[in-house]
């Protein structure tokens, strides 16, 4: 046999979930919430202009117009041979005012979920993905205990009206990152710099998840309920330097373990979002960046890190679903290798007994990338910002073959 021409096929378990992930705010368009208000604020615009950037490139606006084009997007998911899709529900649409529930919005999301079901797609539904109704933000957002009760009323409504079409419930998306970026580092609205507010928000998000978990299970005893957590792989920049080893342990604890430790008895699976390795340094800006193998956003591509993260999270003894893994790559030159290499390590984890049951590429579409605006291109499908035309990238066909064959070579 000519070894140079031999390709080994690596098969994934039967029933493995293959999908793509999206979030409501990043693709739907036409949403008014705390993020949309912040994007258009004078302070935000001035900061961008000082950096020589055009504020219009940092406004979500009509996004990908997926609120109107959701059937088209579901067909794209089917064209990938995927058997599942992660989508979001926008709380600010459902409850635009404190005392108003929007029936039209509820009916819309019912249609979206039913159309997904018609296409035989398992639905992974995110109830909260960082954005909040304006009225909630004005009351103090997640630093107030009242936010928990408001959120639970929203969850009740979703349970009663949409729950029958939801296969996997994601109550909160990356809550630790949100609390850190919104209330401690101040990158996201409301741009606070307070460890006290960070801690209050974290505690309230933990309570919100636990109570939402109980509510969902009271109505649907066999439901699959969890959160997603941004679980990047952390290493000390100088492995021999004890203070940086300690720094790494602290960051990894808050970044990966803290939330799961608190809710471990109230989750049915582990939702993992993995993107990169982060080399932590005590020298500002505290991250030592790789200059070679990086994405368009400067994130280091390190597939092996996903294996280490999965190994770490296996201690919770729950099924694991990778609900986000992707890269910004407008040229599409690195995406196929990125997917292949990460899936190699997913399979390695499975072969070592780790219970990984699904992989969702981020993202189906080029979308609005939060404070980074429109520049990063994560999609298997490009989206024209003027016409909203979806255009397939070569990596889409590559991923479709993986989903079809349930394997990589």
Protein backbone atom coordinates (compact mmCIF):
# COMPACT_ATOMS: atom_id res chain seq x y z
CA UNK A 1 0.00 0.00 0.00
CA UNK A 2 1.25 3.49 -0.82
CA UNK A 3 1.08 5.24 2.54
CA UNK A 4 1.24 8.68 0.92
CA UNK A 5 -2.13 8.09 -0.75
CA UNK A 6 -3.75 6.43 2.26
CA UNK A 7 -6.38 8.49 4.08
CA UNK A 8 -7.77 7.33 7.39
CA UNK A 9 -11.47 7.96 7.86
CA UNK A 10 -12.45 8.86 11.41
CA UNK A 11 -16.08 8.05 12.13
CA UNK A 12 -18.18 9.78 14.77
CA UNK A 13 -20.77 7.97 16.90
CA UNK A 14 -24.21 7.25 15.48
CA UNK A 15 -26.65 10.00 16.41
CA UNK A 16 -23.92 12.63 16.70
CA UNK A 17 -25.39 16.11 16.30
CA UNK A 18 -23.98 18.25 13.48
CA UNK A 19 -25.10 21.83 13.28
CA UNK A 20 -24.41 25.53 13.07
CA UNK A 21 -25.02 28.23 15.64
CA UNK A 22 -26.55 31.69 15.40
CA UNK A 23 -27.87 34.28 17.83
CA UNK A 24 -31.00 36.37 17.48
CA UNK A 25 -29.49 39.84 17.74
CA UNK A 26 -26.56 39.08 15.48
CA UNK A 27 -28.65 37.95 12.49
CA UNK A 28 -32.31 39.00 12.80
CA UNK A 29 -32.21 42.78 12.37
CA UNK A 30 -34.63 45.48 13.45
CA UNK A 31 -34.26 44.90 17.19
CA UNK A 32 -34.40 47.61 19.85
CA UNK A 33 -32.62 46.62 23.04
CA UNK A 34 -29.83 47.83 25.31
CA UNK A 35 -27.19 46.95 22.69
CA UNK A 36 -28.88 48.80 19.83
CA UNK A 37 -29.23 51.89 22.03
CA UNK A 38 -25.57 51.75 23.05
CA UNK A 39 -24.34 51.33 19.48
CA UNK A 40 -26.02 54.57 18.42
CA UNK A 41 -25.02 56.54 21.49
CA UNK A 42 -22.92 59.67 21.11
CA UNK A 43 -20.26 58.39 23.49
CA UNK A 44 -19.82 55.16 21.54
CA UNK A 45 -19.62 56.99 18.21
CA UNK A 46 -17.00 59.43 19.47
CA UNK A 47 -14.79 56.64 20.78
CA UNK A 48 -14.89 54.89 17.42
CA UNK A 49 -14.18 58.10 15.51
CA UNK A 50 -11.15 58.75 17.72
CA UNK A 51 -9.81 55.37 16.61
CA UNK A 52 -10.36 56.33 12.96
CA UNK A 53 -13.32 53.99 12.54
CA UNK A 54 -16.69 54.54 10.92
CA UNK A 55 -19.47 54.21 13.56
CA UNK A 56 -21.84 52.86 10.87
CA UNK A 57 -19.70 49.72 10.69
CA UNK A 58 -20.52 49.08 14.35
CA UNK A 59 -24.30 49.31 14.20
CA UNK A 60 -26.26 46.09 13.86
CA UNK A 61 -29.29 47.66 12.16
CA UNK A 62 -30.94 45.18 9.82
CA UNK A 63 -28.23 42.60 10.55
CA UNK A 64 -28.71 39.70 8.09
CA UNK A 65 -32.48 40.30 7.85
CA UNK A 66 -32.97 36.78 9.17
CA UNK A 67 -36.17 37.78 10.94
CA UNK A 68 -37.71 37.87 7.46
CA UNK A 69 -35.43 35.29 5.78
CA UNK A 70 -35.48 32.55 8.39
CA UNK A 71 -36.88 29.95 5.99
CA UNK A 72 -34.05 30.63 3.59
CA UNK A 73 -31.54 30.28 6.43
CA UNK A 74 -33.08 27.02 7.61
CA UNK A 75 -32.77 25.72 4.04
CA UNK A 76 -29.08 26.66 4.12
CA UNK A 77 -28.71 24.61 7.29
CA UNK A 78 -30.37 21.66 5.54
CA UNK A 79 -28.03 22.11 2.55
CA UNK A 80 -25.14 21.45 4.95
CA UNK A 81 -26.61 18.00 5.72
CA UNK A 82 -26.79 19.08 9.35
CA UNK A 83 -29.32 17.47 11.64
CA UNK A 84 -29.63 20.33 14.12
CA UNK A 85 -29.43 24.09 14.46
CA UNK A 86 -28.85 26.50 17.32
CA UNK A 87 -31.03 29.61 17.17
CA UNK A 88 -31.90 32.39 19.59
CA UNK A 89 -35.01 34.10 20.91
CA UNK A 90 -34.80 37.84 21.54
CA UNK A 91 -36.27 38.78 24.92
CA UNK A 92 -36.65 42.43 23.87
CA UNK A 93 -38.97 41.38 21.03
CA UNK A 94 -41.10 39.22 23.30
CA UNK A 95 -41.34 41.87 26.04
CA UNK A 96 -40.58 45.29 24.50
CA UNK A 97 -42.06 47.08 27.53
CA UNK A 98 -42.24 45.96 31.13
CA UNK A 99 -45.98 45.36 30.96
CA UNK A 100 -46.25 44.37 27.27
CA UNK A 101 -45.97 40.88 25.77
CA UNK A 102 -45.81 40.93 21.98
CA UNK A 103 -48.08 38.20 20.59
CA UNK A 104 -46.81 38.72 17.04
CA UNK A 105 -43.23 38.08 18.14
CA UNK A 106 -44.25 34.94 20.02
CA UNK A 107 -46.07 33.65 16.94
CA UNK A 108 -43.03 34.45 14.81
CA UNK A 109 -40.70 32.34 16.92
CA UNK A 110 -43.25 29.53 16.93
CA UNK A 111 -43.15 29.61 13.13
CA UNK A 112 -39.35 29.54 13.13
CA UNK A 113 -39.23 26.51 15.39
CA UNK A 114 -41.96 24.68 13.50
CA UNK A 115 -40.19 25.32 10.19
CA UNK A 116 -37.00 23.90 11.70
CA UNK A 117 -38.93 20.81 12.79
CA UNK A 118 -40.42 20.41 9.29
CA UNK A 119 -36.83 20.18 8.04
CA UNK A 120 -36.02 17.50 10.64
CA UNK A 121 -33.64 19.76 12.49
CA UNK A 122 -33.12 19.33 16.23
CA UNK A 123 -33.59 22.73 17.84
CA UNK A 124 -31.07 24.12 20.31
CA UNK A 125 -32.65 27.33 21.55
CA UNK A 126 -30.88 30.13 23.40
CA UNK A 127 -33.22 32.17 25.59
CA UNK A 128 -30.75 34.92 26.48
CA UNK A 129 -27.66 35.91 24.49
CA UNK A 130 -26.32 39.03 26.27
CA UNK A 131 -28.99 41.49 25.11
CA UNK A 132 -31.70 42.89 27.38
CA UNK A 133 -34.90 44.88 26.97
CA UNK A 134 -34.24 48.61 27.31
CA UNK A 135 -36.58 48.88 30.31
CA UNK A 136 -34.64 46.15 32.15
CA UNK A 137 -31.32 47.87 31.49
CA UNK A 138 -32.70 51.16 32.83
CA UNK A 139 -33.69 49.40 36.05
CA UNK A 140 -30.07 48.36 36.57
CA UNK A 141 -29.93 45.19 34.48
CA UNK A 142 -28.48 42.05 36.00
CA UNK A 143 -27.06 43.82 39.04
CA UNK A 144 -30.62 43.97 40.44
CA UNK A 145 -32.38 40.99 42.02
CA UNK A 146 -35.54 42.01 40.18
CA UNK A 147 -33.85 40.97 36.90
CA UNK A 148 -34.14 37.34 38.00
CA UNK A 149 -37.90 37.57 38.48
CA UNK A 150 -38.37 39.44 35.20
CA UNK A 151 -36.35 36.79 33.38
CA UNK A 152 -38.35 33.96 34.93
CA UNK A 153 -41.63 35.49 33.73
CA UNK A 154 -40.14 35.55 30.24
CA UNK A 155 -39.08 31.90 30.63
CA UNK A 156 -42.62 30.97 31.73
CA UNK A 157 -44.00 32.47 28.55
CA UNK A 158 -41.49 30.58 26.37
CA UNK A 159 -42.29 27.31 28.14
CA UNK A 160 -46.02 27.69 27.64
CA UNK A 161 -45.95 28.95 24.05
CA UNK A 162 -42.83 27.47 22.43
CA UNK A 163 -41.50 24.72 24.66
CA UNK A 164 -42.99 21.85 22.70
CA UNK A 165 -40.71 22.64 19.76
CA UNK A 166 -37.47 22.98 21.76
CA UNK A 167 -35.12 19.98 21.97
CA UNK A 168 -32.27 21.61 23.91
CA UNK A 169 -32.65 24.66 26.14
CA UNK A 170 -29.78 27.11 26.60
CA UNK A 171 -30.96 29.43 29.35
CA UNK A 172 -27.91 31.72 29.23
CA UNK A 173 -25.14 32.26 26.72
CA UNK A 174 -21.65 32.73 28.19
CA UNK A 175 -22.87 34.42 31.38
CA UNK A 176 -19.40 34.80 32.91
CA UNK A 177 -18.06 36.61 29.85
CA UNK A 178 -21.09 38.89 29.88
CA UNK A 179 -20.72 39.75 33.57
CA UNK A 180 -17.00 40.40 33.14
CA UNK A 181 -17.24 42.49 29.97
CA UNK A 182 -20.33 44.43 31.05
CA UNK A 183 -19.67 45.12 34.73
CA UNK A 184 -15.93 44.71 35.35
CA UNK A 185 -13.86 45.36 32.21
CA UNK A 186 -16.52 47.62 30.72
CA UNK A 187 -16.24 46.56 27.07
CA UNK A 188 -19.98 45.89 26.71
CA UNK A 189 -22.92 48.02 27.82
CA UNK A 190 -23.48 49.32 30.46
CA UNK A 191 -19.65 49.73 30.49
CA UNK A 192 -19.13 49.47 34.24
CA UNK A 193 -15.84 48.92 36.07
CA UNK A 194 -16.88 47.40 39.38
CA UNK A 195 -15.96 44.03 40.86
CA UNK A 196 -18.95 44.45 43.20
CA UNK A 197 -21.36 44.85 40.25
CA UNK A 198 -19.64 41.95 38.44
CA UNK A 199 -20.20 39.72 41.45
CA UNK A 200 -23.84 40.77 41.87
CA UNK A 201 -24.56 40.15 38.18
CA UNK A 202 -22.86 36.75 38.32
CA UNK A 203 -24.87 35.69 41.38
CA UNK A 204 -28.13 36.84 39.80
CA UNK A 205 -27.37 34.97 36.57
CA UNK A 206 -26.67 31.81 38.57
CA UNK A 207 -30.02 32.16 40.39
CA UNK A 208 -31.80 32.85 37.10
CA UNK A 209 -30.46 29.69 35.52
CA UNK A 210 -31.23 27.44 38.49
CA UNK A 211 -34.81 28.66 38.78
CA UNK A 212 -35.32 28.53 35.00
CA UNK A 213 -34.01 24.96 35.01
CA UNK A 214 -36.56 24.00 37.66
CA UNK A 215 -39.41 25.70 35.81
CA UNK A 216 -38.57 24.00 32.51
CA UNK A 217 -38.31 20.58 34.16
CA UNK A 218 -41.58 21.06 36.01
CA UNK A 219 -43.27 21.47 32.64
CA UNK A 220 -41.05 19.14 30.58
CA UNK A 221 -39.54 16.50 32.93
CA UNK A 222 -37.30 15.04 30.21
CA UNK A 223 -35.99 18.38 28.92
CA UNK A 224 -32.31 18.95 28.15
CA UNK A 225 -31.36 22.23 29.85
CA UNK A 226 -28.02 23.97 30.35
CA UNK A 227 -26.01 27.08 29.55
CA UNK A 228 -23.14 27.65 27.15
CA UNK A 229 -19.83 28.74 28.57
CA UNK A 230 -16.90 30.30 26.74
CA UNK A 231 -14.25 27.69 27.49
CA UNK A 232 -11.03 28.76 25.82
CA UNK A 233 -7.75 27.09 26.73
CA UNK A 234 -5.58 29.13 29.08
CA UNK A 235 -1.84 28.75 29.53
CA UNK A 236 0.77 30.84 31.35
CA UNK A 237 2.97 32.70 28.87
CA UNK A 238 5.98 31.60 30.93
CA UNK A 239 5.31 28.11 32.23
CA UNK A 240 8.31 28.28 34.57
CA UNK A 241 7.04 31.49 36.24
CA UNK A 242 4.94 30.61 39.32
CA UNK A 243 2.99 33.93 39.50
CA UNK A 244 1.79 33.43 35.91
CA UNK A 245 0.85 29.84 36.70
CA UNK A 246 -1.32 31.19 39.54
CA UNK A 247 -2.74 33.90 37.26
CA UNK A 248 -3.72 31.20 34.77
CA UNK A 249 -5.47 29.14 37.49
CA UNK A 250 -7.48 32.15 38.67
CA UNK A 251 -8.57 33.12 35.15
CA UNK A 252 -9.41 29.52 34.23
CA UNK A 253 -11.47 29.14 37.42
CA UNK A 254 -13.56 32.23 36.74
CA UNK A 255 -13.67 31.60 33.01
CA UNK A 256 -14.55 27.90 32.98
CA UNK A 257 -15.29 26.33 36.36
CA UNK A 258 -17.02 28.87 38.61
CA UNK A 259 -20.41 28.91 36.91
CA UNK A 260 -20.52 25.15 36.27
CA UNK A 261 -19.53 24.46 39.88
CA UNK A 262 -22.53 26.48 41.07
CA UNK A 263 -25.08 24.93 38.70
CA UNK A 264 -23.76 21.39 38.33
CA UNK A 265 -26.89 19.90 39.91
CA UNK A 266 -29.06 21.95 37.56
CA UNK A 267 -27.72 21.07 34.11
CA UNK A 268 -28.41 18.13 31.82
CA UNK A 269 -25.43 18.70 29.54
CA UNK A 270 -22.34 20.90 29.18
CA UNK A 271 -22.45 23.56 26.47
CA UNK A 272 -18.95 24.46 25.26
CA UNK A 273 -17.92 27.48 23.18
CA UNK A 274 -14.26 27.12 22.16
CA UNK A 275 -12.26 29.44 19.92
CA UNK A 276 -8.61 29.76 20.90
CA UNK A 277 -5.67 29.40 23.26
CA UNK A 278 -4.92 32.41 25.45
CA UNK A 279 -1.38 32.79 26.79
CA UNK A 280 -1.67 34.81 29.97
CA UNK A 281 1.06 37.18 31.05
CA UNK A 282 1.50 39.52 34.02
CA UNK A 283 2.99 42.04 31.62
CA UNK A 284 0.36 44.41 30.10
CA UNK A 285 -1.76 43.86 28.04
CA UNK A 286 -1.68 40.54 29.96
CA UNK A 287 -2.03 38.34 26.88
CA UNK A 288 0.98 37.22 24.85
CA UNK A 289 -0.27 37.01 21.28
CA UNK A 290 0.81 34.53 18.65
CA UNK A 291 1.77 36.37 15.44
CA UNK A 292 1.62 33.45 13.03
CA UNK A 293 -1.24 30.96 13.23
CA UNK A 294 -4.06 33.42 13.86
CA UNK A 295 -7.53 34.35 12.64
CA UNK A 296 -8.59 37.68 11.12
CA UNK A 297 -9.28 38.81 14.69
CA UNK A 298 -5.79 37.91 15.87
CA UNK A 299 -6.97 34.89 17.86
CA UNK A 300 -4.51 32.01 18.02
CA UNK A 301 -5.67 28.84 16.28
CA UNK A 302 -4.93 25.97 18.66
CA UNK A 303 -7.15 22.92 17.99
CA UNK A 304 -5.43 20.78 20.63
CA UNK A 305 -6.72 23.16 23.29
CA UNK A 306 -10.26 21.93 22.64
CA UNK A 307 -9.17 18.43 23.66
CA UNK A 308 -7.77 19.74 26.95
CA UNK A 309 -10.96 21.73 27.61
CA UNK A 310 -13.15 18.69 26.94
CA UNK A 311 -10.98 16.62 29.24
CA UNK A 312 -11.30 19.23 31.99
CA UNK A 313 -15.07 19.49 31.62
CA UNK A 314 -15.56 15.73 31.63
CA UNK A 315 -15.21 15.87 35.43
CA UNK A 316 -18.81 17.11 35.60
CA UNK A 317 -19.93 13.75 34.18
CA UNK A 318 -22.50 15.22 31.81
CA UNK A 319 -22.89 14.86 28.03
CA UNK A 320 -20.95 17.59 26.22
CA UNK A 321 -22.06 19.55 23.16
CA UNK A 322 -19.68 21.95 21.44
CA UNK A 323 -22.16 24.71 20.65
CA UNK A 324 -19.70 27.21 19.18
CA UNK A 325 -16.40 26.68 17.37
CA UNK A 326 -15.31 28.84 14.47
CA UNK A 327 -13.02 31.54 13.20
CA UNK A 328 -13.03 34.93 11.48
CA UNK A 329 -11.63 34.16 8.02
CA UNK A 330 -12.94 36.35 5.22
CA UNK A 331 -10.73 34.68 2.58
CA UNK A 332 -11.93 31.20 3.64
CA UNK A 333 -8.34 29.94 3.34
CA UNK A 334 -8.07 28.56 6.89
CA UNK A 335 -11.62 27.49 7.70
CA UNK A 336 -11.57 23.95 6.28
CA UNK A 337 -8.34 23.04 8.05
CA UNK A 338 -9.64 24.72 11.22
CA UNK A 339 -12.77 22.57 11.24
CA UNK A 340 -10.90 19.39 10.37
CA UNK A 341 -8.22 19.87 13.03
CA UNK A 342 -10.68 20.72 15.79
CA UNK A 343 -12.84 17.72 14.92
CA UNK A 344 -9.77 15.49 15.06
CA UNK A 345 -9.36 16.47 18.71
CA UNK A 346 -13.08 16.11 19.36
CA UNK A 347 -12.83 12.55 18.09
CA UNK A 348 -9.70 11.97 20.17
CA UNK A 349 -11.68 13.03 23.25
CA UNK A 350 -14.50 10.65 22.34
CA UNK A 351 -12.04 7.81 21.78
CA UNK A 352 -10.72 8.39 25.31
CA UNK A 353 -14.18 7.99 26.79
CA UNK A 354 -15.32 11.63 26.99
CA UNK A 355 -19.04 11.87 26.25
CA UNK A 356 -19.12 14.44 23.43
CA UNK A 357 -22.38 14.25 21.50
CA UNK A 358 -22.44 17.18 19.10
CA UNK A 359 -20.53 19.88 17.22
CA UNK A 360 -21.95 23.22 16.03
CA UNK A 361 -19.88 25.48 13.82
CA UNK A 362 -20.07 29.21 14.52
CA UNK A 363 -21.60 30.48 12.40
CA UNK A 364 -24.06 29.68 9.65
CA UNK A 365 -23.82 33.28 8.37
CA UNK A 366 -21.49 36.24 8.48
CA UNK A 367 -23.12 38.26 11.23
CA UNK A 368 -22.78 41.29 13.47
CA UNK A 369 -19.88 40.55 15.82
CA UNK A 370 -20.88 42.67 18.81
CA UNK A 371 -18.34 45.37 19.75
CA UNK A 372 -16.18 44.30 16.77
CA UNK A 373 -18.88 45.33 14.30
CA UNK A 374 -19.20 43.93 10.79
CA UNK A 375 -15.55 43.27 9.99
CA UNK A 376 -15.10 39.69 11.31
CA UNK A 377 -16.44 37.03 8.91
CA UNK A 378 -17.31 33.79 10.70
CA UNK A 379 -19.90 32.44 8.27
CA UNK A 380 -20.01 29.35 6.10
CA UNK A 381 -22.19 31.67 4.03
CA UNK A 382 -21.22 35.26 3.27
CA UNK A 383 -23.97 37.89 3.48
CA UNK A 384 -24.15 41.03 1.34
CA UNK A 385 -24.91 43.89 3.74
CA UNK A 386 -26.97 45.78 1.16
CA UNK A 387 -28.92 43.05 -0.63
CA UNK A 388 -28.74 40.36 2.11
CA UNK A 389 -27.85 37.80 -0.55
CA UNK A 390 -26.33 34.66 0.96
CA UNK A 391 -23.29 33.29 -0.87
CA UNK A 392 -21.82 29.89 -0.10
CA UNK A 393 -18.15 29.69 0.76
CA UNK A 394 -16.12 26.59 -0.27
CA UNK A 395 -15.87 25.61 3.40
CA UNK A 396 -19.66 25.13 3.43
CA UNK A 397 -19.34 22.19 1.01
CA UNK A 398 -16.47 20.83 3.08
CA UNK A 399 -18.54 20.92 6.26
CA UNK A 400 -21.57 19.49 4.43
CA UNK A 401 -19.57 16.41 3.48
CA UNK A 402 -18.50 15.92 7.09
CA UNK A 403 -22.12 16.15 8.23
CA UNK A 404 -23.25 13.77 5.48
CA UNK A 405 -20.62 11.12 6.14
CA UNK A 406 -20.49 11.58 9.94
CA UNK A 407 -16.72 11.45 9.56
CA UNK A 408 -13.51 13.30 8.72
CA UNK A 409 -10.51 12.11 6.74
